Amino acid sequence: MLARIQLSDDEVQRLTGQLDAIVDNIAKVSEVATPDVVATSHPIPLNNVFRPDVVGVTLTRDEVLQNAPDQADGRFRVTAILGEER
């Protein structure tokens, strides 16, 4: 029932033309997508853009927890979710 979309006659006419264009383009891709063409996820090779991991200045546990609304045993204490109260 949810998949039924009410369309006017004008919308049906316009969308039919658009659907025809989509089907034609899929057919064109199918013509060139032969087994000897390697599948790619990106048309241009990508290089690794990550920076190296370098240890920097870090906060102490006390500094991290100083503004926490609730804490226990040196950790943030948060409300249990999914009924898993401990």
N, C-alpha and C. Protein backbone atom coordinates (compact mmCIF):
# COMPACT_ATOMS: atom_id res chain seq x y z
N MET A 1 0.82 -1.19 0.00
CA MET A 1 0.00 0.00 0.00
C MET A 1 0.87 1.26 0.00
N LEU A 2 2.00 1.22 0.75
CA LEU A 2 2.86 2.39 0.83
C LEU A 2 3.55 2.70 -0.50
N ALA A 3 3.75 1.68 -1.34
CA ALA A 3 4.46 1.89 -2.60
C ALA A 3 3.58 2.49 -3.69
N ARG A 4 2.32 2.63 -3.44
CA ARG A 4 1.41 3.18 -4.44
C ARG A 4 1.42 4.70 -4.35
N ILE A 5 1.91 5.31 -5.40
CA ILE A 5 2.03 6.77 -5.43
C ILE A 5 0.97 7.31 -6.39
N GLN A 6 0.21 8.27 -5.92
CA GLN A 6 -0.81 8.88 -6.76
C GLN A 6 -0.14 9.89 -7.69
N LEU A 7 -0.26 9.69 -8.99
CA LEU A 7 0.34 10.59 -9.97
C LEU A 7 -0.74 11.11 -10.90
N SER A 8 -0.58 12.35 -11.28
CA SER A 8 -1.50 12.92 -12.28
C SER A 8 -1.09 12.39 -13.66
N ASP A 9 -1.95 12.58 -14.65
CA ASP A 9 -1.64 12.14 -16.01
C ASP A 9 -0.38 12.85 -16.54
N ASP A 10 -0.23 14.14 -16.22
CA ASP A 10 0.96 14.88 -16.64
C ASP A 10 2.22 14.30 -16.03
N GLU A 11 2.14 13.95 -14.74
CA GLU A 11 3.30 13.37 -14.06
C GLU A 11 3.66 12.01 -14.65
N VAL A 12 2.65 11.21 -14.96
CA VAL A 12 2.90 9.90 -15.57
C VAL A 12 3.60 10.08 -16.91
N GLN A 13 3.13 11.03 -17.71
CA GLN A 13 3.73 11.29 -19.02
C GLN A 13 5.19 11.73 -18.88
N ARG A 14 5.46 12.65 -17.95
CA ARG A 14 6.82 13.17 -17.75
C ARG A 14 7.75 12.08 -17.21
N LEU A 15 7.27 11.34 -16.22
CA LEU A 15 8.10 10.30 -15.62
C LEU A 15 8.34 9.13 -16.57
N THR A 16 7.39 8.86 -17.46
CA THR A 16 7.59 7.80 -18.45
C THR A 16 8.76 8.15 -19.36
N GLY A 17 8.83 9.40 -19.78
CA GLY A 17 9.95 9.84 -20.61
C GLY A 17 11.27 9.74 -19.86
N GLN A 18 11.27 10.11 -18.60
CA GLN A 18 12.49 10.03 -17.80
C GLN A 18 12.92 8.58 -17.59
N LEU A 19 11.94 7.70 -17.37
CA LEU A 19 12.24 6.30 -17.20
C LEU A 19 12.83 5.70 -18.48
N ASP A 20 12.28 6.11 -19.63
CA ASP A 20 12.83 5.66 -20.91
C ASP A 20 14.29 6.06 -21.04
N ALA A 21 14.64 7.29 -20.64
CA ALA A 21 16.02 7.76 -20.71
C ALA A 21 16.92 6.95 -19.79
N ILE A 22 16.44 6.62 -18.61
CA ILE A 22 17.22 5.82 -17.67
C ILE A 22 17.48 4.43 -18.24
N VAL A 23 16.44 3.80 -18.77
CA VAL A 23 16.59 2.46 -19.34
C VAL A 23 17.55 2.49 -20.53
N ASP A 24 17.48 3.51 -21.38
CA ASP A 24 18.41 3.65 -22.51
C ASP A 24 19.85 3.77 -22.03
N ASN A 25 20.08 4.55 -20.98
CA ASN A 25 21.43 4.72 -20.46
C ASN A 25 21.96 3.43 -19.84
N ILE A 26 21.11 2.67 -19.16
CA ILE A 26 21.52 1.38 -18.62
C ILE A 26 21.91 0.44 -19.75
N ALA A 27 21.17 0.47 -20.84
CA ALA A 27 21.48 -0.37 -22.00
C ALA A 27 22.84 0.01 -22.58
N LYS A 28 23.16 1.31 -22.64
CA LYS A 28 24.47 1.75 -23.15
C LYS A 28 25.60 1.25 -22.27
N VAL A 29 25.42 1.33 -20.97
CA VAL A 29 26.44 0.85 -20.04
C VAL A 29 26.61 -0.66 -20.19
N SER A 30 25.52 -1.37 -20.36
CA SER A 30 25.58 -2.82 -20.52
C SER A 30 26.34 -3.22 -21.78
N GLU A 31 26.29 -2.39 -22.81
CA GLU A 31 27.01 -2.68 -24.05
C GLU A 31 28.52 -2.66 -23.84
N VAL A 32 29.02 -1.75 -23.02
CA VAL A 32 30.47 -1.64 -22.83
C VAL A 32 30.96 -2.39 -21.60
N ALA A 33 30.08 -2.80 -20.73
CA ALA A 33 30.48 -3.53 -19.53
C ALA A 33 30.62 -5.00 -19.86
N THR A 34 31.72 -5.34 -20.51
CA THR A 34 31.99 -6.72 -20.90
C THR A 34 32.92 -7.36 -19.88
N PRO A 35 33.04 -8.68 -19.89
CA PRO A 35 33.89 -9.36 -18.90
C PRO A 35 35.36 -8.91 -18.93
N ASP A 36 35.84 -8.41 -20.07
CA ASP A 36 37.25 -8.00 -20.14
C ASP A 36 37.49 -6.59 -19.59
N VAL A 37 36.43 -5.88 -19.19
CA VAL A 37 36.58 -4.56 -18.59
C VAL A 37 36.62 -4.73 -17.07
N VAL A 38 37.72 -4.25 -16.48
CA VAL A 38 37.90 -4.40 -15.04
C VAL A 38 36.94 -3.47 -14.29
N ALA A 39 36.27 -4.01 -13.27
CA ALA A 39 35.36 -3.20 -12.47
C ALA A 39 36.16 -2.22 -11.62
N THR A 40 35.66 -1.00 -11.50
CA THR A 40 36.33 0.01 -10.69
C THR A 40 35.32 0.68 -9.77
N SER A 41 35.82 1.16 -8.65
CA SER A 41 34.94 1.89 -7.74
C SER A 41 35.12 3.39 -7.91
N HIS A 42 36.20 3.79 -8.59
CA HIS A 42 36.49 5.21 -8.78
C HIS A 42 37.25 5.35 -10.10
N PRO A 43 36.89 6.30 -10.94
CA PRO A 43 37.53 6.41 -12.25
C PRO A 43 38.98 6.90 -12.20
N ILE A 44 39.38 7.53 -11.12
CA ILE A 44 40.73 8.07 -10.99
C ILE A 44 41.40 7.40 -9.80
N PRO A 45 42.63 6.90 -9.97
CA PRO A 45 43.30 6.27 -8.83
C PRO A 45 43.44 7.27 -7.66
N LEU A 46 43.21 6.78 -6.46
CA LEU A 46 43.31 7.63 -5.28
C LEU A 46 44.59 7.33 -4.52
N ASN A 47 45.17 8.35 -3.93
CA ASN A 47 46.35 8.18 -3.10
C ASN A 47 45.93 8.30 -1.64
N ASN A 48 46.71 7.67 -0.77
CA ASN A 48 46.45 7.75 0.65
C ASN A 48 46.65 9.19 1.10
N VAL A 49 45.64 9.76 1.72
CA VAL A 49 45.72 11.16 2.16
C VAL A 49 45.83 11.28 3.67
N PHE A 50 46.06 10.16 4.34
CA PHE A 50 46.17 10.19 5.79
C PHE A 50 47.55 10.68 6.21
N ARG A 51 47.59 11.37 7.32
CA ARG A 51 48.87 11.79 7.87
C ARG A 51 49.40 10.68 8.76
N PRO A 52 50.70 10.64 9.00
CA PRO A 52 51.23 9.61 9.89
C PRO A 52 50.74 9.83 11.32
N ASP A 53 50.57 8.74 12.06
CA ASP A 53 50.18 8.85 13.46
C ASP A 53 51.38 9.31 14.28
N VAL A 54 51.21 10.43 14.95
CA VAL A 54 52.26 10.98 15.80
C VAL A 54 51.65 11.24 17.17
N VAL A 55 52.30 10.72 18.19
CA VAL A 55 51.80 10.94 19.54
C VAL A 55 52.03 12.39 19.91
N GLY A 56 50.99 13.04 20.39
CA GLY A 56 51.09 14.44 20.78
C GLY A 56 50.78 14.60 22.26
N VAL A 57 50.56 15.81 22.66
CA VAL A 57 50.22 16.09 24.05
C VAL A 57 48.82 15.57 24.30
N THR A 58 48.67 14.81 25.36
CA THR A 58 47.36 14.25 25.69
C THR A 58 46.91 14.73 27.06
N LEU A 59 45.63 14.61 27.32
CA LEU A 59 45.07 14.99 28.61
C LEU A 59 45.22 13.82 29.59
N THR A 60 45.34 14.16 30.85
CA THR A 60 45.33 13.12 31.87
C THR A 60 43.90 12.66 32.09
N ARG A 61 43.74 11.55 32.75
CA ARG A 61 42.40 11.04 33.03
C ARG A 61 41.61 12.05 33.86
N ASP A 62 42.26 12.65 34.85
CA ASP A 62 41.57 13.64 35.69
C ASP A 62 41.12 14.85 34.87
N GLU A 63 41.95 15.29 33.92
CA GLU A 63 41.58 16.43 33.08
C GLU A 63 40.39 16.09 32.20
N VAL A 64 40.39 14.88 31.69
CA VAL A 64 39.29 14.45 30.82
C VAL A 64 37.98 14.39 31.60
N LEU A 65 38.03 13.88 32.81
CA LEU A 65 36.81 13.65 33.59
C LEU A 65 36.38 14.85 34.43
N GLN A 66 37.17 15.92 34.47
CA GLN A 66 36.86 17.02 35.38
C GLN A 66 35.51 17.67 35.13
N ASN A 67 35.02 17.68 33.91
CA ASN A 67 33.72 18.30 33.61
C ASN A 67 32.64 17.27 33.28
N ALA A 68 32.94 16.00 33.50
CA ALA A 68 31.95 14.96 33.22
C ALA A 68 30.78 15.09 34.17
N PRO A 69 29.54 14.99 33.67
CA PRO A 69 28.38 15.09 34.55
C PRO A 69 28.32 13.94 35.54
N ASP A 70 28.87 12.78 35.16
CA ASP A 70 28.87 11.64 36.07
C ASP A 70 30.05 10.76 35.70
N GLN A 71 30.72 10.22 36.72
CA GLN A 71 31.87 9.36 36.47
C GLN A 71 31.95 8.31 37.56
N ALA A 72 32.60 7.20 37.23
CA ALA A 72 32.79 6.12 38.20
C ALA A 72 34.01 5.32 37.79
N ASP A 73 34.85 5.01 38.74
CA ASP A 73 36.04 4.18 38.49
C ASP A 73 36.92 4.73 37.38
N GLY A 74 37.06 6.06 37.32
CA GLY A 74 37.92 6.67 36.31
C GLY A 74 37.37 6.63 34.90
N ARG A 75 36.06 6.48 34.77
CA ARG A 75 35.42 6.41 33.44
C ARG A 75 34.17 7.29 33.44
N PHE A 76 33.74 7.65 32.23
CA PHE A 76 32.46 8.35 32.10
C PHE A 76 31.37 7.38 32.49
N ARG A 77 30.39 7.85 33.21
CA ARG A 77 29.24 7.02 33.55
C ARG A 77 28.06 7.56 32.77
N VAL A 78 27.41 6.68 32.01
CA VAL A 78 26.29 7.08 31.16
C VAL A 78 25.08 6.21 31.47
N THR A 79 23.93 6.67 31.07
CA THR A 79 22.69 5.92 31.26
C THR A 79 22.72 4.66 30.41
N ALA A 80 22.28 3.57 30.97
CA ALA A 80 22.22 2.31 30.23
C ALA A 80 21.21 2.44 29.11
N ILE A 81 21.48 1.74 28.01
CA ILE A 81 20.54 1.73 26.89
C ILE A 81 20.10 0.29 26.64
N LEU A 82 19.02 0.16 25.94
CA LEU A 82 18.46 -1.14 25.56
C LEU A 82 18.13 -2.02 26.75
N GLY A 83 17.81 -1.42 27.89
CA GLY A 83 17.37 -2.18 29.05
C GLY A 83 18.44 -3.04 29.68
N GLU A 84 19.71 -2.68 29.46
CA GLU A 84 20.82 -3.48 30.02
C GLU A 84 21.37 -2.81 31.26
N GLU A 85 20.54 -2.49 32.20
CA GLU A 85 20.95 -1.83 33.44
C GLU A 85 21.82 -2.78 34.25
N ARG A 86 22.95 -2.27 34.75
CA ARG A 86 23.85 -3.10 35.58
C ARG A 86 24.10 -2.44 36.87
